[in-house]
Amino acid sequence: MAEVTTLGLGKTMEKKLHSVGIHSAEELMKIGSKQAVFRLKEKYPGTCVVILYHLEAAIRGIEMKQLEDTCKAELKAYFKNMVSGLGENII
């Protein structure tokens, strides 16, 4: 199993992912960026939508700036709905 840093994510993100039960690149790819950011947001309330973009880009093997606008819009809508469900009002 490859470490999440092999996807281009840093050591700090790796530690945070480990703390929410994601211990490898394969696990991250299997559960996806949305479930990963949901877990992170529960444990780390300061998690923002940009983290979701970074995770999705890492899974796809591209840089965040290469995510299509439609993908970013869909991820942002997901994040906004998720935050609302967690009882928060800021993105």
C-alpha atoms as a PDB file:
ATOM      1  CA  MET A   1       0.000   0.000   0.000  1.00  0.00           C
ATOM      2  CA  ALA A   2       1.343   3.365  -1.032  1.00  0.00           C
ATOM      3  CA  GLU A   3       1.473   6.315   1.358  1.00  0.00           C
ATOM      4  CA  VAL A   4      -0.890   9.188   0.592  1.00  0.00           C
ATOM      5  CA  THR A   5       2.139  11.402  -0.018  1.00  0.00           C
ATOM      6  CA  THR A   6       2.663   9.461  -3.270  1.00  0.00           C
ATOM      7  CA  LEU A   7      -0.430  11.303  -4.553  1.00  0.00           C
ATOM      8  CA  GLY A   8       1.294  14.636  -4.029  1.00  0.00           C
ATOM      9  CA  LEU A   9      -0.235  15.397  -0.641  1.00  0.00           C
ATOM     10  CA  GLY A  10       2.042  16.620   2.148  1.00  0.00           C
ATOM     11  CA  LYS A  11       2.997  15.055   5.449  1.00  0.00           C
ATOM     12  CA  THR A  12       0.539  17.218   7.417  1.00  0.00           C
ATOM     13  CA  MET A  13      -2.371  16.041   5.270  1.00  0.00           C
ATOM     14  CA  GLU A  14      -1.097  12.489   5.557  1.00  0.00           C
ATOM     15  CA  LYS A  15      -1.209  12.745   9.359  1.00  0.00           C
ATOM     16  CA  LYS A  16      -4.712  14.193   9.281  1.00  0.00           C
ATOM     17  CA  LEU A  17      -5.924  11.472   6.927  1.00  0.00           C
ATOM     18  CA  HIS A  18      -4.372   8.822   9.173  1.00  0.00           C
ATOM     19  CA  SER A  19      -6.226  10.320  12.139  1.00  0.00           C
ATOM     20  CA  VAL A  20      -9.551   9.776  10.362  1.00  0.00           C
ATOM     21  CA  GLY A  21      -8.799   6.199   9.317  1.00  0.00           C
ATOM     22  CA  ILE A  22      -7.305   6.703   5.854  1.00  0.00           C
ATOM     23  CA  HIS A  23      -3.858   5.125   5.852  1.00  0.00           C
ATOM     24  CA  SER A  24      -2.927   4.711   2.203  1.00  0.00           C
ATOM     25  CA  ALA A  25      -3.332   6.176  -1.255  1.00  0.00           C
ATOM     26  CA  GLU A  26      -5.461   3.172  -2.170  1.00  0.00           C
ATOM     27  CA  GLU A  27      -7.829   3.775   0.746  1.00  0.00           C
ATOM     28  CA  LEU A  28      -8.178   7.431  -0.221  1.00  0.00           C
ATOM     29  CA  MET A  29      -8.910   6.494  -3.815  1.00  0.00           C
ATOM     30  CA  LYS A  30     -11.421   3.872  -2.708  1.00  0.00           C
ATOM     31  CA  ILE A  31     -13.462   6.126  -0.413  1.00  0.00           C
ATOM     32  CA  GLY A  32     -13.070   9.224  -2.557  1.00  0.00           C
ATOM     33  CA  SER A  33     -12.507  12.876  -1.856  1.00  0.00           C
ATOM     34  CA  LYS A  34     -16.026  13.579  -0.578  1.00  0.00           C
ATOM     35  CA  GLN A  35     -16.017  10.942   2.146  1.00  0.00           C
ATOM     36  CA  ALA A  36     -12.456  11.877   3.074  1.00  0.00           C
ATOM     37  CA  VAL A  37     -13.304  15.564   3.471  1.00  0.00           C
ATOM     38  CA  PHE A  38     -16.433  14.652   5.444  1.00  0.00           C
ATOM     39  CA  ARG A  39     -14.290  12.735   7.929  1.00  0.00           C
ATOM     40  CA  LEU A  40     -11.742  15.556   8.063  1.00  0.00           C
ATOM     41  CA  LYS A  41     -14.409  18.217   8.614  1.00  0.00           C
ATOM     42  CA  GLU A  42     -15.854  16.279  11.548  1.00  0.00           C
ATOM     43  CA  LYS A  43     -12.469  16.066  13.268  1.00  0.00           C
ATOM     44  CA  TYR A  44     -10.964  19.321  12.000  1.00  0.00           C
ATOM     45  CA  PRO A  45     -13.729  21.956  11.796  1.00  0.00           C
ATOM     46  CA  GLY A  46     -11.428  24.377   9.980  1.00  0.00           C
ATOM     47  CA  THR A  47     -11.309  22.120   6.926  1.00  0.00           C
ATOM     48  CA  CYS A  48     -12.338  24.147   3.881  1.00  0.00           C
ATOM     49  CA  VAL A  49     -13.520  23.452   0.355  1.00  0.00           C
ATOM     50  CA  VAL A  50      -9.993  23.901  -0.986  1.00  0.00           C
ATOM     51  CA  ILE A  51      -8.982  20.698   0.830  1.00  0.00           C
ATOM     52  CA  LEU A  52     -11.726  18.904  -1.095  1.00  0.00           C
ATOM     53  CA  TYR A  53     -10.309  20.271  -4.351  1.00  0.00           C
ATOM     54  CA  HIS A  54      -6.800  19.138  -3.387  1.00  0.00           C
ATOM     55  CA  LEU A  55      -7.975  15.640  -2.479  1.00  0.00           C
ATOM     56  CA  GLU A  56      -9.949  15.260  -5.712  1.00  0.00           C
ATOM     57  CA  ALA A  57      -7.038  16.497  -7.792  1.00  0.00           C
ATOM     58  CA  ALA A  58      -4.653  14.132  -5.989  1.00  0.00           C
ATOM     59  CA  ILE A  59      -6.955  11.185  -6.647  1.00  0.00           C
ATOM     60  CA  ARG A  60      -7.132  12.138 -10.328  1.00  0.00           C
ATOM     61  CA  GLY A  61      -3.364  12.580 -10.523  1.00  0.00           C
ATOM     62  CA  ILE A  62      -3.562  16.227 -11.592  1.00  0.00           C
ATOM     63  CA  GLU A  63      -2.873  19.622 -10.065  1.00  0.00           C
ATOM     64  CA  MET A  64      -5.764  21.423  -8.402  1.00  0.00           C
ATOM     65  CA  LYS A  65      -5.743  24.161 -11.040  1.00  0.00           C
ATOM     66  CA  GLN A  66      -6.421  21.481 -13.666  1.00  0.00           C
ATOM     67  CA  LEU A  67      -9.802  20.519 -12.173  1.00  0.00           C
ATOM     68  CA  GLU A  68     -12.582  21.485 -14.554  1.00  0.00           C
ATOM     69  CA  ASP A  69     -14.898  24.308 -13.506  1.00  0.00           C
ATOM     70  CA  THR A  70     -17.854  21.903 -13.562  1.00  0.00           C
ATOM     71  CA  CYS A  71     -16.030  19.570 -11.192  1.00  0.00           C
ATOM     72  CA  LYS A  72     -15.165  22.434  -8.831  1.00  0.00           C
ATOM     73  CA  ALA A  73     -18.778  23.640  -8.900  1.00  0.00           C
ATOM     74  CA  GLU A  74     -20.067  20.156  -8.053  1.00  0.00           C
ATOM     75  CA  LEU A  75     -17.534  19.748  -5.253  1.00  0.00           C
ATOM     76  CA  LYS A  76     -18.352  23.198  -3.875  1.00  0.00           C
ATOM     77  CA  ALA A  77     -22.082  22.378  -3.872  1.00  0.00           C
ATOM     78  CA  TYR A  78     -21.371  19.098  -2.072  1.00  0.00           C
ATOM     79  CA  PHE A  79     -19.216  20.882   0.510  1.00  0.00           C
ATOM     80  CA  LYS A  80     -21.823  23.569   1.108  1.00  0.00           C
ATOM     81  CA  ASN A  81     -24.527  20.937   1.659  1.00  0.00           C
ATOM     82  CA  MET A  82     -22.225  18.926   3.914  1.00  0.00           C
ATOM     83  CA  VAL A  83     -21.395  21.979   6.019  1.00  0.00           C
ATOM     84  CA  SER A  84     -25.091  22.817   6.332  1.00  0.00           C
ATOM     85  CA  GLY A  85     -25.704  19.268   7.535  1.00  0.00           C
ATOM     86  CA  LEU A  86     -23.011  19.663  10.164  1.00  0.00           C
ATOM     87  CA  GLY A  87     -24.728  22.773  11.483  1.00  0.00           C
ATOM     88  CA  GLU A  88     -22.256  25.325  10.155  1.00  0.00           C
ATOM     89  CA  ASN A  89     -22.932  28.311   7.951  1.00  0.00           C
ATOM     90  CA  ILE A  90     -19.513  29.219   6.583  1.00  0.00           C
ATOM     91  CA  ILE A  91     -17.422  27.718   3.809  1.00  0.00           C
END
